[in-house]
Amino acid sequence: MPSRSSAVARAVAALAILFATTAATPYSYAGVQVLGLVGVHRDVAGSQYGVGAGPLLQVHLGGKQFALHLEGLPVVSIPGVQPSATYGQATPALGIFNGQAEYALGSTGAWIGLGETVYNQRTPLPAQAQTVSSRLAGVRYVVRYRRRFGTRHMLEALVGTAPYLSGSDVYVYLDGSPDTIKPERASEVDASLQWGYLYRRSQWFVGVRTLNFSAMYPATGEAADRNVGIGPFIEYRLKL
């Protein structure tokens, strides 16, 4: 009688063969996603609510089994943040880069990905006569699902996470005092759901995207900040 371990090994081998022989349909595009977010920033000084918008540039090169996805938000200011008694009228500038290699789970429409997330931000704090900037980077994991409905419509869902981002906060003081550098660690989760209309090489999507970012200072265990946002987007893709 075969052992349980050999049965599991055969099942894993069968799934590997299935995924290797039932490949996905190749799909490549260049696009731009115009995203608007409503969210909250929380730190030791309290909560600040704001709105922001920006273009997320995308390139996706997809074959039958493997794909490469790159997307980036150029550094943009978020002017809709309410003034704070502690910080004054802070105007954060934020840039994001996500990139991952993806692997198709056969013809199921599901993909799994592994890559990198990078956050760059710079925030003037006029009430404290200082500016704080940071760069955080870490490994990114992705699950994507894509399904066509006829020849004209497509549903796409994505969940991504970077559970360990590391970097430093750099505080620059306007009075010329020496900079303060504080090591920082963070985690991030984002998700999106979108519905598209396809016509020849042009593809239009509407959807919603959410972001949850949390950071802390590992040297002291003190919470740095948390940012949570959600909002709609419109996306255009040019099929390559």
C-alpha atoms as a PDB file:
ATOM      1  CA  MET A   1       0.000   0.000   0.000  1.00  0.00           C
ATOM      2  CA  PRO A   2       1.531   3.358  -0.978  1.00  0.00           C
ATOM      3  CA  SER A   3       2.526   5.697   1.861  1.00  0.00           C
ATOM      4  CA  ARG A   4       0.836   9.014   2.499  1.00  0.00           C
ATOM      5  CA  SER A   5       4.049  10.912   1.659  1.00  0.00           C
ATOM      6  CA  SER A   6       4.346   9.226  -1.744  1.00  0.00           C
ATOM      7  CA  ALA A   7       0.701  10.014  -2.484  1.00  0.00           C
ATOM      8  CA  VAL A   8       1.292  13.688  -1.633  1.00  0.00           C
ATOM      9  CA  ALA A   9       4.407  13.730  -3.833  1.00  0.00           C
ATOM     10  CA  ARG A  10       2.454  12.305  -6.762  1.00  0.00           C
ATOM     11  CA  ALA A  11      -0.308  14.880  -6.267  1.00  0.00           C
ATOM     12  CA  VAL A  12       2.206  17.750  -6.236  1.00  0.00           C
ATOM     13  CA  ALA A  13       3.878  16.385  -9.380  1.00  0.00           C
ATOM     14  CA  ALA A  14       0.499  16.080 -11.112  1.00  0.00           C
ATOM     15  CA  LEU A  15      -0.356  19.707 -10.283  1.00  0.00           C
ATOM     16  CA  ALA A  16       3.047  20.865 -11.561  1.00  0.00           C
ATOM     17  CA  ILE A  17       2.489  19.026 -14.850  1.00  0.00           C
ATOM     18  CA  LEU A  18      -1.032  20.468 -15.129  1.00  0.00           C
ATOM     19  CA  PHE A  19       0.146  24.045 -14.610  1.00  0.00           C
ATOM     20  CA  ALA A  20       3.020  23.584 -17.044  1.00  0.00           C
ATOM     21  CA  THR A  21       0.841  22.178 -19.825  1.00  0.00           C
ATOM     22  CA  THR A  22      -2.251  24.391 -19.458  1.00  0.00           C
ATOM     23  CA  ALA A  23      -0.718  27.811 -19.903  1.00  0.00           C
ATOM     24  CA  ALA A  24      -2.437  31.182 -19.751  1.00  0.00           C
ATOM     25  CA  THR A  25      -3.143  33.393 -22.767  1.00  0.00           C
ATOM     26  CA  PRO A  26      -0.300  35.880 -23.444  1.00  0.00           C
ATOM     27  CA  TYR A  27      -1.260  39.436 -22.453  1.00  0.00           C
ATOM     28  CA  SER A  28       0.966  42.532 -22.614  1.00  0.00           C
ATOM     29  CA  TYR A  29       0.110  46.223 -22.297  1.00  0.00           C
ATOM     30  CA  ALA A  30       1.282  49.706 -21.353  1.00  0.00           C
ATOM     31  CA  GLY A  31      -1.136  51.800 -19.335  1.00  0.00           C
ATOM     32  CA  VAL A  32      -1.861  54.593 -16.918  1.00  0.00           C
ATOM     33  CA  GLN A  33      -4.151  54.447 -13.910  1.00  0.00           C
ATOM     34  CA  VAL A  34      -5.515  57.747 -12.555  1.00  0.00           C
ATOM     35  CA  LEU A  35      -6.103  57.060  -8.886  1.00  0.00           C
ATOM     36  CA  GLY A  36      -7.867  59.150  -6.256  1.00  0.00           C
ATOM     37  CA  LEU A  37      -7.564  58.309  -2.555  1.00  0.00           C
ATOM     38  CA  VAL A  38      -9.351  59.420   0.582  1.00  0.00           C
ATOM     39  CA  GLY A  39      -7.493  58.418   3.705  1.00  0.00           C
ATOM     40  CA  VAL A  40      -6.110  59.054   7.155  1.00  0.00           C
ATOM     41  CA  HIS A  41      -2.588  59.484   8.507  1.00  0.00           C
ATOM     42  CA  ARG A  42      -2.042  58.572  12.161  1.00  0.00           C
ATOM     43  CA  ASP A  43       1.004  59.129  14.361  1.00  0.00           C
ATOM     44  CA  VAL A  44       1.844  60.271  17.910  1.00  0.00           C
ATOM     45  CA  ALA A  45       0.394  63.721  17.179  1.00  0.00           C
ATOM     46  CA  GLY A  46      -3.031  62.335  16.261  1.00  0.00           C
ATOM     47  CA  SER A  47      -4.920  61.807  13.013  1.00  0.00           C
ATOM     48  CA  GLN A  48      -4.927  63.854   9.820  1.00  0.00           C
ATOM     49  CA  TYR A  49      -7.459  63.276   7.043  1.00  0.00           C
ATOM     50  CA  GLY A  50      -6.829  64.156   3.425  1.00  0.00           C
ATOM     51  CA  VAL A  51      -7.412  63.444  -0.247  1.00  0.00           C
ATOM     52  CA  GLY A  52      -4.949  62.961  -3.062  1.00  0.00           C
ATOM     53  CA  ALA A  53      -4.701  61.882  -6.684  1.00  0.00           C
ATOM     54  CA  GLY A  54      -1.974  60.839  -9.060  1.00  0.00           C
ATOM     55  CA  PRO A  55      -1.077  58.807 -12.179  1.00  0.00           C
ATOM     56  CA  LEU A  56       0.158  55.232 -11.751  1.00  0.00           C
ATOM     57  CA  LEU A  57       2.189  54.252 -14.824  1.00  0.00           C
ATOM     58  CA  GLN A  58       2.189  50.557 -15.771  1.00  0.00           C
ATOM     59  CA  VAL A  59       3.951  48.107 -18.071  1.00  0.00           C
ATOM     60  CA  HIS A  60       2.909  44.446 -18.174  1.00  0.00           C
ATOM     61  CA  LEU A  61       4.747  41.896 -20.333  1.00  0.00           C
ATOM     62  CA  GLY A  62       2.931  38.575 -20.173  1.00  0.00           C
ATOM     63  CA  GLY A  63       3.664  35.259 -21.845  1.00  0.00           C
ATOM     64  CA  LYS A  64       1.898  31.930 -21.547  1.00  0.00           C
ATOM     65  CA  GLN A  65       3.565  30.976 -18.274  1.00  0.00           C
ATOM     66  CA  PHE A  66       5.507  33.976 -16.975  1.00  0.00           C
ATOM     67  CA  ALA A  67       4.890  37.734 -16.808  1.00  0.00           C
ATOM     68  CA  LEU A  68       6.704  40.855 -15.661  1.00  0.00           C
ATOM     69  CA  HIS A  69       4.675  43.699 -14.136  1.00  0.00           C
ATOM     70  CA  LEU A  70       6.081  47.157 -13.361  1.00  0.00           C
ATOM     71  CA  GLU A  71       4.141  50.122 -11.980  1.00  0.00           C
ATOM     72  CA  GLY A  72       5.133  53.405 -10.458  1.00  0.00           C
ATOM     73  CA  LEU A  73       3.621  56.547  -8.999  1.00  0.00           C
ATOM     74  CA  PRO A  74       5.921  59.519  -9.714  1.00  0.00           C
ATOM     75  CA  VAL A  75       6.572  61.661  -6.658  1.00  0.00           C
ATOM     76  CA  VAL A  76       3.438  63.786  -6.278  1.00  0.00           C
ATOM     77  CA  SER A  77       2.269  66.160  -3.541  1.00  0.00           C
ATOM     78  CA  ILE A  78      -0.879  65.493  -1.537  1.00  0.00           C
ATOM     79  CA  PRO A  79      -2.294  68.985  -0.913  1.00  0.00           C
ATOM     80  CA  GLY A  80      -5.572  67.912   0.654  1.00  0.00           C
ATOM     81  CA  VAL A  81      -4.111  67.180   4.111  1.00  0.00           C
ATOM     82  CA  GLN A  82      -5.713  69.279   6.860  1.00  0.00           C
ATOM     83  CA  PRO A  83      -3.384  71.554   8.918  1.00  0.00           C
ATOM     84  CA  SER A  84      -2.196  70.198  12.251  1.00  0.00           C
ATOM     85  CA  ALA A  85      -1.460  72.118  15.453  1.00  0.00           C
ATOM     86  CA  THR A  86       1.682  70.001  15.832  1.00  0.00           C
ATOM     87  CA  TYR A  87       2.991  70.065  12.252  1.00  0.00           C
ATOM     88  CA  GLY A  88       1.272  73.012  10.568  1.00  0.00           C
ATOM     89  CA  GLN A  89       0.225  72.745   6.911  1.00  0.00           C
ATOM     90  CA  ALA A  90       2.153  69.595   5.977  1.00  0.00           C
ATOM     91  CA  THR A  91       2.149  68.740   2.263  1.00  0.00           C
ATOM     92  CA  PRO A  92       3.482  65.190   1.862  1.00  0.00           C
ATOM     93  CA  ALA A  93       5.127  64.165  -1.407  1.00  0.00           C
ATOM     94  CA  LEU A  94       4.932  60.443  -2.128  1.00  0.00           C
ATOM     95  CA  GLY A  95       6.359  58.108  -4.761  1.00  0.00           C
ATOM     96  CA  ILE A  96       5.747  54.353  -5.063  1.00  0.00           C
ATOM     97  CA  PHE A  97       7.296  51.615  -7.203  1.00  0.00           C
ATOM     98  CA  ASN A  98       6.029  48.026  -7.453  1.00  0.00           C
ATOM     99  CA  GLY A  99       7.614  45.395  -9.646  1.00  0.00           C
ATOM    100  CA  GLN A 100       7.227  41.641  -9.720  1.00  0.00           C
ATOM    101  CA  ALA A 101       7.692  38.528 -11.818  1.00  0.00           C
ATOM    102  CA  GLU A 102       4.474  36.498 -12.045  1.00  0.00           C
ATOM    103  CA  TYR A 103       3.774  32.822 -12.690  1.00  0.00           C
ATOM    104  CA  ALA A 104       0.504  31.531 -14.176  1.00  0.00           C
ATOM    105  CA  LEU A 105      -1.345  28.756 -12.367  1.00  0.00           C
ATOM    106  CA  GLY A 106      -2.311  27.023 -15.575  1.00  0.00           C
ATOM    107  CA  SER A 107      -5.341  28.394 -17.385  1.00  0.00           C
ATOM    108  CA  THR A 108      -7.210  29.178 -14.148  1.00  0.00           C
ATOM    109  CA  GLY A 109      -6.744  32.936 -14.583  1.00  0.00           C
ATOM    110  CA  ALA A 110      -4.738  33.080 -11.339  1.00  0.00           C
ATOM    111  CA  TRP A 111      -1.142  34.295 -11.103  1.00  0.00           C
ATOM    112  CA  ILE A 112       1.308  34.446  -8.205  1.00  0.00           C
ATOM    113  CA  GLY A 113       4.137  36.976  -8.099  1.00  0.00           C
ATOM    114  CA  LEU A 114       7.357  37.856  -6.308  1.00  0.00           C
ATOM    115  CA  GLY A 115       9.129  41.214  -6.556  1.00  0.00           C
ATOM    116  CA  GLU A 116       9.888  44.467  -4.741  1.00  0.00           C
ATOM    117  CA  THR A 117       8.093  47.516  -3.331  1.00  0.00           C
ATOM    118  CA  VAL A 118       9.810  50.885  -2.830  1.00  0.00           C
ATOM    119  CA  TYR A 119       8.325  53.919  -1.034  1.00  0.00           C
ATOM    120  CA  ASN A 120       9.825  57.411  -1.207  1.00  0.00           C
ATOM    121  CA  GLN A 121       8.297  60.269   0.752  1.00  0.00           C
ATOM    122  CA  ARG A 122       9.192  63.797   1.804  1.00  0.00           C
ATOM    123  CA  THR A 123       7.084  65.910   4.152  1.00  0.00           C
ATOM    124  CA  PRO A 124       7.828  69.514   5.238  1.00  0.00           C
ATOM    125  CA  LEU A 125       6.707  70.213   8.826  1.00  0.00           C
ATOM    126  CA  PRO A 126       6.539  74.039   8.985  1.00  0.00           C
ATOM    127  CA  ALA A 127       5.391  74.273  12.609  1.00  0.00           C
ATOM    128  CA  GLN A 128       8.499  72.346  13.685  1.00  0.00           C
ATOM    129  CA  ALA A 129      10.914  73.999  11.223  1.00  0.00           C
ATOM    130  CA  GLN A 130      11.994  70.661   9.808  1.00  0.00           C
ATOM    131  CA  THR A 131      11.531  68.284   6.885  1.00  0.00           C
ATOM    132  CA  VAL A 132      11.331  64.510   7.166  1.00  0.00           C
ATOM    133  CA  SER A 133      12.056  62.158   4.277  1.00  0.00           C
ATOM    134  CA  SER A 134      12.356  58.404   3.980  1.00  0.00           C
ATOM    135  CA  ARG A 135      12.968  55.551   1.554  1.00  0.00           C
ATOM    136  CA  LEU A 136      11.656  52.087   2.390  1.00  0.00           C
ATOM    137  CA  ALA A 137      12.060  48.922   0.322  1.00  0.00           C
ATOM    138  CA  GLY A 138      11.229  45.241   0.683  1.00  0.00           C
ATOM    139  CA  VAL A 139      10.057  42.021  -0.949  1.00  0.00           C
ATOM    140  CA  ARG A 140       6.578  42.089  -2.522  1.00  0.00           C
ATOM    141  CA  TYR A 141       4.178  39.136  -2.873  1.00  0.00           C
ATOM    142  CA  VAL A 142       1.216  39.235  -5.270  1.00  0.00           C
ATOM    143  CA  VAL A 143      -1.846  37.183  -6.159  1.00  0.00           C
ATOM    144  CA  ARG A 144      -3.679  38.270  -9.321  1.00  0.00           C
ATOM    145  CA  TYR A 145      -6.860  36.925 -10.917  1.00  0.00           C
ATOM    146  CA  ARG A 146      -7.980  37.822 -14.422  1.00  0.00           C
ATOM    147  CA  ARG A 147     -11.072  36.587 -16.294  1.00  0.00           C
ATOM    148  CA  ARG A 148     -12.479  37.472 -19.695  1.00  0.00           C
ATOM    149  CA  PHE A 149     -16.228  37.739 -20.268  1.00  0.00           C
ATOM    150  CA  GLY A 150     -16.761  37.296 -23.970  1.00  0.00           C
ATOM    151  CA  THR A 151     -14.593  39.421 -26.242  1.00  0.00           C
ATOM    152  CA  ARG A 152     -15.445  42.822 -24.782  1.00  0.00           C
ATOM    153  CA  HIS A 153     -15.144  42.641 -20.989  1.00  0.00           C
ATOM    154  CA  MET A 154     -12.597  41.653 -18.344  1.00  0.00           C
ATOM    155  CA  LEU A 155     -12.578  41.328 -14.555  1.00  0.00           C
ATOM    156  CA  GLU A 156      -9.282  41.693 -12.707  1.00  0.00           C
ATOM    157  CA  ALA A 157      -8.522  41.466  -8.972  1.00  0.00           C
ATOM    158  CA  LEU A 158      -5.197  41.840  -7.193  1.00  0.00           C
ATOM    159  CA  VAL A 159      -3.875  41.539  -3.641  1.00  0.00           C
ATOM    160  CA  GLY A 160      -0.297  42.540  -2.909  1.00  0.00           C
ATOM    161  CA  THR A 161       1.714  42.745   0.285  1.00  0.00           C
ATOM    162  CA  ALA A 162       5.197  43.772   1.396  1.00  0.00           C
ATOM    163  CA  PRO A 163       5.350  42.462   4.990  1.00  0.00           C
ATOM    164  CA  TYR A 164       8.864  43.739   5.726  1.00  0.00           C
ATOM    165  CA  LEU A 165       9.950  47.125   4.386  1.00  0.00           C
ATOM    166  CA  SER A 166      13.097  48.656   5.836  1.00  0.00           C
ATOM    167  CA  GLY A 167      14.856  52.002   5.574  1.00  0.00           C
ATOM    168  CA  SER A 168      15.368  55.216   7.545  1.00  0.00           C
ATOM    169  CA  ASP A 169      13.640  58.485   8.363  1.00  0.00           C
ATOM    170  CA  VAL A 170      15.914  61.506   7.897  1.00  0.00           C
ATOM    171  CA  TYR A 171      14.998  64.713   9.781  1.00  0.00           C
ATOM    172  CA  VAL A 172      16.522  67.894   8.325  1.00  0.00           C
ATOM    173  CA  TYR A 173      16.287  71.033  10.521  1.00  0.00           C
ATOM    174  CA  LEU A 174      15.942  74.506   9.061  1.00  0.00           C
ATOM    175  CA  ASP A 175      18.150  76.051  11.780  1.00  0.00           C
ATOM    176  CA  GLY A 176      21.170  74.074  10.570  1.00  0.00           C
ATOM    177  CA  SER A 177      21.220  71.521  13.393  1.00  0.00           C
ATOM    178  CA  PRO A 178      22.705  68.104  12.510  1.00  0.00           C
ATOM    179  CA  ASP A 179      20.314  65.741  10.753  1.00  0.00           C
ATOM    180  CA  THR A 180      18.639  62.992  12.765  1.00  0.00           C
ATOM    181  CA  ILE A 181      18.493  59.519  11.188  1.00  0.00           C
ATOM    182  CA  LYS A 182      16.071  56.965  12.627  1.00  0.00           C
ATOM    183  CA  PRO A 183      15.915  53.382  11.246  1.00  0.00           C
ATOM    184  CA  GLU A 184      12.361  52.487  10.252  1.00  0.00           C
ATOM    185  CA  ARG A 185      10.497  49.257   9.525  1.00  0.00           C
ATOM    186  CA  ALA A 186       7.086  48.984   7.866  1.00  0.00           C
ATOM    187  CA  SER A 187       4.547  46.688   6.260  1.00  0.00           C
ATOM    188  CA  GLU A 188       2.083  47.321   3.432  1.00  0.00           C
ATOM    189  CA  VAL A 189      -1.004  45.662   1.952  1.00  0.00           C
ATOM    190  CA  ASP A 190      -2.832  46.843  -1.172  1.00  0.00           C
ATOM    191  CA  ALA A 191      -5.750  45.447  -3.144  1.00  0.00           C
ATOM    192  CA  SER A 192      -7.736  46.384  -6.227  1.00  0.00           C
ATOM    193  CA  LEU A 193     -10.795  45.254  -8.156  1.00  0.00           C
ATOM    194  CA  GLN A 194     -11.583  46.492 -11.665  1.00  0.00           C
ATOM    195  CA  TRP A 195     -13.923  45.927 -14.598  1.00  0.00           C
ATOM    196  CA  GLY A 196     -12.874  46.652 -18.156  1.00  0.00           C
ATOM    197  CA  TYR A 197     -14.215  47.267 -21.633  1.00  0.00           C
ATOM    198  CA  LEU A 198     -12.005  45.995 -24.473  1.00  0.00           C
ATOM    199  CA  TYR A 199     -12.036  47.301 -28.023  1.00  0.00           C
ATOM    200  CA  ARG A 200      -9.265  46.240 -30.361  1.00  0.00           C
ATOM    201  CA  ARG A 201      -6.017  47.402 -28.739  1.00  0.00           C
ATOM    202  CA  SER A 202      -7.675  49.952 -26.439  1.00  0.00           C
ATOM    203  CA  GLN A 203      -8.887  48.866 -23.008  1.00  0.00           C
ATOM    204  CA  TRP A 204     -10.699  51.001 -20.431  1.00  0.00           C
ATOM    205  CA  PHE A 205     -11.188  50.031 -16.786  1.00  0.00           C
ATOM    206  CA  VAL A 206     -12.934  51.436 -13.740  1.00  0.00           C
ATOM    207  CA  GLY A 207     -12.245  50.116 -10.283  1.00  0.00           C
ATOM    208  CA  VAL A 208     -11.377  50.699  -6.660  1.00  0.00           C
ATOM    209  CA  ARG A 209      -8.029  50.418  -4.881  1.00  0.00           C
ATOM    210  CA  THR A 210      -7.128  50.352  -1.195  1.00  0.00           C
ATOM    211  CA  LEU A 211      -3.857  50.760   0.694  1.00  0.00           C
ATOM    212  CA  ASN A 212      -2.850  50.010   4.294  1.00  0.00           C
ATOM    213  CA  PHE A 213       0.641  51.069   5.401  1.00  0.00           C
ATOM    214  CA  SER A 214       2.028  50.815   8.933  1.00  0.00           C
ATOM    215  CA  ALA A 215       5.525  51.782  10.166  1.00  0.00           C
ATOM    216  CA  MET A 216       7.493  51.703  13.421  1.00  0.00           C
ATOM    217  CA  TYR A 217      10.959  52.476  14.794  1.00  0.00           C
ATOM    218  CA  PRO A 218      12.626  49.132  15.653  1.00  0.00           C
ATOM    219  CA  ALA A 219      15.255  50.703  17.927  1.00  0.00           C
ATOM    220  CA  THR A 220      12.606  51.891  20.403  1.00  0.00           C
ATOM    221  CA  GLY A 221       9.482  49.936  19.399  1.00  0.00           C
ATOM    222  CA  GLU A 222       7.681  53.272  18.980  1.00  0.00           C
ATOM    223  CA  ALA A 223       4.989  53.496  16.276  1.00  0.00           C
ATOM    224  CA  ALA A 224       6.054  55.806  13.445  1.00  0.00           C
ATOM    225  CA  ASP A 225       2.866  56.285  11.448  1.00  0.00           C
ATOM    226  CA  ARG A 226      -0.012  54.510   9.776  1.00  0.00           C
ATOM    227  CA  ASN A 227      -1.677  55.433   6.481  1.00  0.00           C
ATOM    228  CA  VAL A 228      -4.948  53.949   5.280  1.00  0.00           C
ATOM    229  CA  GLY A 229      -6.693  54.995   2.078  1.00  0.00           C
ATOM    230  CA  ILE A 230      -9.273  53.878  -0.448  1.00  0.00           C
ATOM    231  CA  GLY A 231     -10.537  55.374  -3.664  1.00  0.00           C
ATOM    232  CA  PRO A 232     -11.744  54.907  -7.252  1.00  0.00           C
ATOM    233  CA  PHE A 233      -9.637  54.890 -10.380  1.00  0.00           C
ATOM    234  CA  ILE A 234      -9.890  55.004 -14.158  1.00  0.00           C
ATOM    235  CA  GLU A 235      -7.325  53.076 -16.161  1.00  0.00           C
ATOM    236  CA  TYR A 236      -6.379  53.002 -19.835  1.00  0.00           C
ATOM    237  CA  ARG A 237      -4.347  50.178 -21.371  1.00  0.00           C
ATOM    238  CA  LEU A 238      -2.845  49.928 -24.825  1.00  0.00           C
ATOM    239  CA  LYS A 239      -2.447  46.264 -25.727  1.00  0.00           C
ATOM    240  CA  LEU A 240       1.035  45.497 -27.045  1.00  0.00           C
END
